[in-house]
Structure formats: structure tokens, C-alpha cells
Amino acid sequence: MSAALDSRSDTTETKRSTAKPSAGGGLITWRDLGIPVLCLAVVLGELYYLSQAEVGSSQSSILAYGSLISLTRQHVLMTLTITALVLVVAVPFGVLITRPGFKWLASPVLAFGNVGQAAPIVGLLAIVGSFFIGFRPVVLMIAAFSMLPVLRNTIVGIEQVDVGVKDAARGMGMSPRGVLMKVELPLAVPIIAAGTRTALILAVAVIPLGTDMNAGGLGQLVFAGIKLNRSESLVAGALFIAVLALLVDWIGGIVQRALTPRGIR
């Protein structure tokens, strides 16, 4: 009996030793599908409600399917443009601040960024809107407002890389550029991506405030509902903005997982 048990335990140990490690798992699991399914259900439910409700002539044009698709497309375009501007500016600047000789810039730059984000965005948009209107000024203002999370997380992400790992990379003959591109940035991806997701949600949420500057987007539904004192377009705009924020964050999480090295997922 004991020999049989020993044989079974040896077989089990052999299977465990020959099994392959998971190495981070897949990018998308069944649990990840909850958010898009929920968002789809909310959107379909709201569209069905709008198709059955008596919205009146004052809201019929803005709540038409073609108008909803156009406003959503404008909102997504502005969000992607803002995110691209933030990444192009904040990540390289954050990397520069972590380099020897430029670390003294960290405190004043972060202080300036904190002041910029603490400034009332509504007031800034109102001031800028007195002189400029349209897509570009709104995108530039919101990009500046959303810059801090990515800048701060880039600095923190690179500085938290273990010194021993960087010394080992240098000992292998890597140049400073090679250490940055192959060691520091890959290990900092989760923290940088987290800041980017925060900037994405900020952009989605703040874009509606630029409606009066003729920038487009789903904010037109919200402000139309406020001006007309009708809840149909107000609720529709709020729901679609919330759904877009959830989907943007969900996609950002998938991209973050894809860019993170498998060993630290």
C-alpha cells in the first residue's frame, strides 16, 4: 500500500515539475467581459427607451441615431487627440526629469502641474472661449489639465525601478539608452499606464464642458437637456458619457496588460 502511495506521489510531483508556468495568463479573461456587456446593455436599453419616448420636436434632431453617432465620434476623437498630446509631452518630459542632471526640475515641474490641475477648468475654458472657439483650443486646454497624472506616474514609475536591476543591466554592457528602453520603461509601464487611464477618464469627463465653445461631443446632449428643461437628452448624454468613460478605462486596462512584461503582470 505504501509503495503504491509513493508511486502516486512521485507521479504527481513529476506532473507538477513538467507543467508550464502560467507566465501572466491571457490578455482577456471571461471576467473582463462584464464591463463591455454591461455597457452594451445600458446603451441598447437607452436607445430602446428613446425610440419609444415622445421626445418632441425640440429634441428629435439631437436624439436621432445619426446625431448620436456623430456626437459620440466627436467625443472619441477629442479623447484620443488629448491622450496623444498628453503622452507625447508628459512621458518624454517625465523621462528627462529622471535623468542625471535634470532631477532638480522634478519639484518645480510637479508643483506647476499641481497648480495647473487645481485651476478651475470651467473658468479657464470660459476665458479661452472669449477669444477662441472650436476643436483645437478645447483639446489644448483639456490636454494641459490632464497632463499631471501621466507626468507624475512616469517619474514615479522610472524612479521605483530597483537600483540593482539597473546595475545588472549596466554590468551586462548596456548603454544608458539601452537601460532606459529595455529595463526602466518596460518595468515602469504599469504605473505610466495607470496615469494614462486617469488622464483618459479626465478627458472624457471634462470634454462636455467645452460644448459652449463649439467643440462638439456628447456634452451637447447634456446642455440641450438643461436649456430645454427636458430629461430625455440630459439623461441620454449623462449615460453615454458614463458608458464611454467605462469603455475607455476598460480598453486602457487591456492595453496596459498587453504592454506590461509577462513576468510582472
Protein backbone atom coordinates (compact mmCIF):
# COMPACT_ATOMS: atom_id res chain seq x y z
CA MET A 1 0.00 0.00 0.00
CA SER A 2 2.76 2.45 0.94
CA ALA A 3 4.63 1.64 -2.26
CA ALA A 4 1.52 2.48 -4.30
CA LEU A 5 1.09 5.78 -2.47
CA ASP A 6 4.75 6.64 -3.01
CA SER A 7 4.34 5.85 -6.71
CA ARG A 8 1.30 8.13 -7.00
CA SER A 9 3.06 10.98 -5.17
CA ASP A 10 6.10 10.60 -7.45
CA THR A 11 3.82 10.77 -10.49
CA THR A 12 2.11 13.89 -9.12
CA GLU A 13 5.43 15.58 -8.44
CA THR A 14 6.61 14.71 -11.96
CA LYS A 15 3.49 16.30 -13.48
CA ARG A 16 3.96 19.41 -11.39
CA SER A 17 7.59 19.74 -12.35
CA THR A 18 6.88 19.33 -16.05
CA ALA A 19 3.87 21.68 -16.10
CA LYS A 20 4.49 25.04 -17.79
CA PRO A 21 4.19 28.21 -15.71
CA SER A 22 1.28 30.48 -16.46
CA ALA A 23 3.59 33.48 -17.15
CA GLY A 24 0.96 36.10 -16.64
CA GLY A 25 -2.06 34.45 -18.29
CA GLY A 26 -4.02 35.74 -21.25
CA LEU A 27 -4.85 39.34 -22.01
CA ILE A 28 -8.63 38.93 -21.72
CA THR A 29 -10.49 36.58 -19.39
CA TRP A 30 -14.18 35.87 -19.04
CA ARG A 31 -14.34 38.26 -16.08
CA ASP A 32 -13.12 41.10 -18.30
CA LEU A 33 -16.22 40.83 -20.48
CA GLY A 34 -18.50 42.07 -17.71
CA ILE A 35 -17.95 45.79 -18.35
CA PRO A 36 -18.47 45.78 -22.15
CA VAL A 37 -21.56 43.57 -21.79
CA LEU A 38 -22.96 45.92 -19.14
CA CYS A 39 -22.21 48.97 -21.29
CA LEU A 40 -23.85 47.36 -24.32
CA ALA A 41 -26.96 46.55 -22.28
CA VAL A 42 -27.18 50.14 -20.97
CA VAL A 43 -26.77 51.64 -24.46
CA LEU A 44 -29.33 49.31 -26.04
CA GLY A 45 -31.77 49.94 -23.20
CA GLU A 46 -31.43 53.70 -23.55
CA LEU A 47 -31.79 53.58 -27.34
CA TYR A 48 -34.92 51.48 -26.97
CA TYR A 49 -36.33 53.95 -24.46
CA LEU A 50 -35.61 56.88 -26.79
CA SER A 51 -37.28 55.07 -29.69
CA GLN A 52 -40.45 54.66 -27.61
CA ALA A 53 -40.49 58.01 -25.77
CA GLU A 54 -42.19 61.14 -27.06
CA VAL A 55 -39.20 63.45 -27.16
CA GLY A 56 -40.87 66.28 -29.02
CA SER A 57 -39.65 68.31 -31.95
CA SER A 58 -37.17 70.30 -29.84
CA GLN A 59 -35.10 67.16 -29.09
CA SER A 60 -35.88 64.88 -32.01
CA SER A 61 -32.99 66.10 -34.16
CA ILE A 62 -30.29 65.82 -31.50
CA LEU A 63 -31.57 62.43 -30.28
CA ALA A 64 -31.71 60.90 -33.74
CA TYR A 65 -29.42 57.90 -34.27
CA GLY A 66 -27.29 59.74 -36.80
CA SER A 67 -26.78 62.64 -34.42
CA LEU A 68 -25.91 60.34 -31.51
CA ILE A 69 -23.32 58.50 -33.60
CA SER A 70 -21.81 61.78 -34.82
CA LEU A 71 -21.59 63.25 -31.30
CA THR A 72 -20.04 60.05 -29.96
CA ARG A 73 -17.49 60.04 -32.78
CA GLN A 74 -16.55 63.65 -31.98
CA HIS A 75 -16.19 62.81 -28.29
CA VAL A 76 -13.97 59.80 -29.02
CA LEU A 77 -11.85 61.81 -31.47
CA MET A 78 -11.24 64.55 -28.91
CA THR A 79 -10.42 61.98 -26.22
CA LEU A 80 -7.87 60.22 -28.45
CA THR A 81 -6.31 63.53 -29.54
CA ILE A 82 -6.00 64.73 -25.94
CA THR A 83 -4.46 61.41 -24.88
CA ALA A 84 -1.96 61.51 -27.73
CA LEU A 85 -0.90 65.05 -26.83
CA VAL A 86 -0.55 64.13 -23.15
CA LEU A 87 1.59 61.07 -23.92
CA VAL A 88 3.78 62.90 -26.44
CA VAL A 89 4.54 65.67 -23.95
CA ALA A 90 4.33 64.09 -20.48
CA VAL A 91 6.20 60.81 -20.99
CA PRO A 92 9.35 62.24 -22.65
CA PHE A 93 9.41 65.13 -20.19
CA GLY A 94 8.98 62.73 -17.28
CA VAL A 95 11.84 60.60 -18.59
CA LEU A 96 14.03 63.71 -18.96
CA ILE A 97 13.41 64.70 -15.35
CA THR A 98 14.64 61.30 -14.12
CA ARG A 99 17.97 61.63 -15.95
CA PRO A 100 21.08 62.74 -14.03
CA GLY A 101 21.50 66.47 -14.31
CA PHE A 102 17.78 67.19 -14.68
CA LYS A 103 16.36 65.77 -11.45
CA TRP A 104 16.29 69.25 -9.94
CA LEU A 105 13.40 70.01 -12.29
CA ALA A 106 11.12 67.44 -10.65
CA SER A 107 9.88 69.59 -7.76
CA PRO A 108 9.12 72.80 -9.71
CA VAL A 109 7.54 70.90 -12.62
CA LEU A 110 5.28 68.83 -10.37
CA ALA A 111 4.37 71.94 -8.40
CA PHE A 112 3.45 73.71 -11.62
CA GLY A 113 1.44 70.68 -12.70
CA ASN A 114 -0.43 70.62 -9.39
CA VAL A 115 -1.31 74.28 -9.78
CA GLY A 116 -2.49 73.66 -13.34
CA GLN A 117 -4.77 70.81 -12.32
CA ALA A 118 -6.08 72.69 -9.31
CA ALA A 119 -7.12 75.61 -11.51
CA PRO A 120 -10.87 75.67 -12.28
CA ILE A 121 -11.19 74.19 -15.75
CA VAL A 122 -14.60 75.79 -16.27
CA GLY A 123 -13.15 79.24 -15.66
CA LEU A 124 -10.19 78.57 -17.94
CA LEU A 125 -12.47 77.36 -20.73
CA ALA A 126 -14.65 80.42 -20.28
CA ILE A 127 -11.63 82.75 -20.52
CA VAL A 128 -10.17 81.00 -23.54
CA GLY A 129 -13.64 80.78 -25.12
CA SER A 130 -13.83 84.56 -25.07
CA PHE A 131 -11.08 84.64 -27.68
CA PHE A 132 -11.00 81.22 -29.36
CA ILE A 133 -13.62 78.58 -30.05
CA GLY A 134 -13.61 75.20 -31.71
CA PHE A 135 -11.85 71.86 -31.53
CA ARG A 136 -8.24 72.96 -31.04
CA PRO A 137 -8.49 75.32 -28.06
CA VAL A 138 -10.68 72.87 -26.13
CA VAL A 139 -8.32 69.98 -26.85
CA LEU A 140 -5.26 72.00 -25.83
CA MET A 141 -6.83 73.22 -22.59
CA ILE A 142 -8.04 69.79 -21.52
CA ALA A 143 -4.72 68.19 -22.51
CA ALA A 144 -2.89 70.65 -20.25
CA PHE A 145 -5.40 69.90 -17.49
CA SER A 146 -4.89 66.12 -17.88
CA MET A 147 -1.09 66.23 -18.09
CA LEU A 148 -0.22 65.81 -14.40
CA PRO A 149 -1.21 62.13 -13.80
CA VAL A 150 0.91 60.89 -16.69
CA LEU A 151 3.86 63.15 -15.89
CA ARG A 152 3.86 62.22 -12.21
CA ASN A 153 3.42 58.50 -12.85
CA THR A 154 6.22 58.50 -15.44
CA ILE A 155 8.62 59.97 -12.90
CA VAL A 156 7.47 57.66 -10.11
CA GLY A 157 7.44 54.59 -12.37
CA ILE A 158 11.02 55.07 -13.55
CA GLU A 159 12.37 56.00 -10.13
CA GLN A 160 10.85 52.91 -8.49
CA VAL A 161 12.86 50.54 -10.70
CA ASP A 162 15.25 48.67 -8.45
CA VAL A 163 18.80 50.03 -8.50
CA GLY A 164 20.21 46.50 -8.51
CA VAL A 165 18.32 45.71 -11.73
CA LYS A 166 19.76 48.79 -13.42
CA ASP A 167 23.28 47.99 -12.17
CA ALA A 168 22.95 44.45 -13.51
CA ALA A 169 21.91 45.82 -16.90
CA ARG A 170 24.91 48.15 -16.96
CA GLY A 171 27.14 45.25 -15.94
CA MET A 172 25.92 43.36 -18.99
CA GLY A 173 27.24 46.18 -21.16
CA MET A 174 24.01 48.09 -21.82
CA SER A 175 24.30 51.75 -22.65
CA PRO A 176 22.25 54.33 -20.69
CA ARG A 177 19.79 54.42 -23.60
CA GLY A 178 19.56 50.64 -23.58
CA VAL A 179 18.90 50.57 -19.82
CA LEU A 180 16.13 53.14 -20.28
CA MET A 181 14.45 51.44 -23.25
CA LYS A 182 14.88 47.80 -22.25
CA VAL A 183 14.75 47.92 -18.45
CA GLU A 184 13.36 51.12 -16.93
CA LEU A 185 10.48 51.90 -19.28
CA PRO A 186 9.17 48.29 -19.52
CA LEU A 187 9.19 47.97 -15.73
CA ALA A 188 7.50 51.37 -15.38
CA VAL A 189 4.72 50.55 -17.87
CA PRO A 190 2.09 49.57 -15.24
CA ILE A 191 2.47 52.86 -13.36
CA ILE A 192 2.63 55.01 -16.52
CA ALA A 193 -0.41 53.23 -17.93
CA ALA A 194 -2.33 53.82 -14.70
CA GLY A 195 -1.69 57.55 -15.05
CA THR A 196 -2.74 57.41 -18.69
CA ARG A 197 -6.03 55.75 -17.76
CA THR A 198 -6.65 58.54 -15.25
CA ALA A 199 -5.96 61.13 -17.95
CA LEU A 200 -8.35 59.32 -20.32
CA ILE A 201 -11.19 59.41 -17.82
CA LEU A 202 -10.47 63.07 -17.04
CA ALA A 203 -10.64 63.87 -20.74
CA VAL A 204 -13.93 62.03 -21.25
CA ALA A 205 -15.47 63.75 -18.23
CA VAL A 206 -14.22 67.29 -18.94
CA ILE A 207 -14.84 67.42 -22.71
CA PRO A 208 -18.58 68.18 -22.21
CA LEU A 209 -17.61 71.46 -20.54
CA GLY A 210 -16.31 72.65 -23.91
CA THR A 211 -19.72 72.41 -25.54
CA ASP A 212 -20.29 76.16 -25.45
CA MET A 213 -17.01 76.59 -27.32
CA ASN A 214 -18.46 74.70 -30.29
CA ALA A 215 -16.14 71.74 -29.80
CA GLY A 216 -18.82 69.06 -30.27
CA GLY A 217 -19.15 65.85 -28.32
CA LEU A 218 -21.78 64.29 -26.09
CA GLY A 219 -21.90 67.37 -23.90
CA GLN A 220 -24.34 68.83 -26.42
CA LEU A 221 -26.93 66.33 -25.23
CA VAL A 222 -26.45 67.33 -21.59
CA PHE A 223 -26.60 71.07 -22.18
CA ALA A 224 -29.52 70.72 -24.59
CA GLY A 225 -31.44 68.93 -21.86
CA ILE A 226 -30.56 71.67 -19.37
CA LYS A 227 -31.54 74.52 -21.71
CA LEU A 228 -34.78 72.85 -22.82
CA ASN A 229 -35.57 71.56 -19.33
CA ARG A 230 -36.10 68.07 -20.75
CA SER A 231 -34.73 64.97 -19.07
CA GLU A 232 -34.54 62.73 -22.17
CA SER A 233 -31.46 64.30 -23.74
CA LEU A 234 -29.94 65.11 -20.34
CA VAL A 235 -30.13 61.51 -19.14
CA ALA A 236 -29.04 60.16 -22.54
CA GLY A 237 -25.96 62.39 -22.57
CA ALA A 238 -25.01 61.50 -18.99
CA LEU A 239 -25.45 57.76 -19.64
CA PHE A 240 -23.46 57.77 -22.87
CA ILE A 241 -20.62 59.77 -21.29
CA ALA A 242 -20.51 57.35 -18.34
CA VAL A 243 -20.52 54.36 -20.70
CA LEU A 244 -17.73 55.89 -22.79
CA ALA A 245 -15.65 56.51 -19.65
CA LEU A 246 -16.10 52.88 -18.56
CA LEU A 247 -15.18 51.55 -22.00
CA VAL A 248 -12.15 53.82 -22.30
CA ASP A 249 -10.90 52.68 -18.90
CA TRP A 250 -11.57 49.04 -19.83
CA ILE A 251 -9.65 49.34 -23.11
CA GLY A 252 -6.86 51.15 -21.26
CA GLY A 253 -6.63 48.25 -18.82
CA ILE A 254 -6.33 45.72 -21.65
CA VAL A 255 -3.62 47.81 -23.34
CA GLN A 256 -1.82 48.19 -20.00
CA ARG A 257 -1.86 44.44 -19.54
CA ALA A 258 -0.59 43.89 -23.10
CA LEU A 259 2.32 46.31 -22.68
CA THR A 260 3.34 45.05 -19.25
CA PRO A 261 6.13 42.44 -19.38
CA ARG A 262 4.70 38.97 -18.76
CA GLY A 263 6.88 38.39 -15.72
CA ILE A 264 5.33 41.27 -13.71
CA ARG A 265 1.68 41.05 -14.81
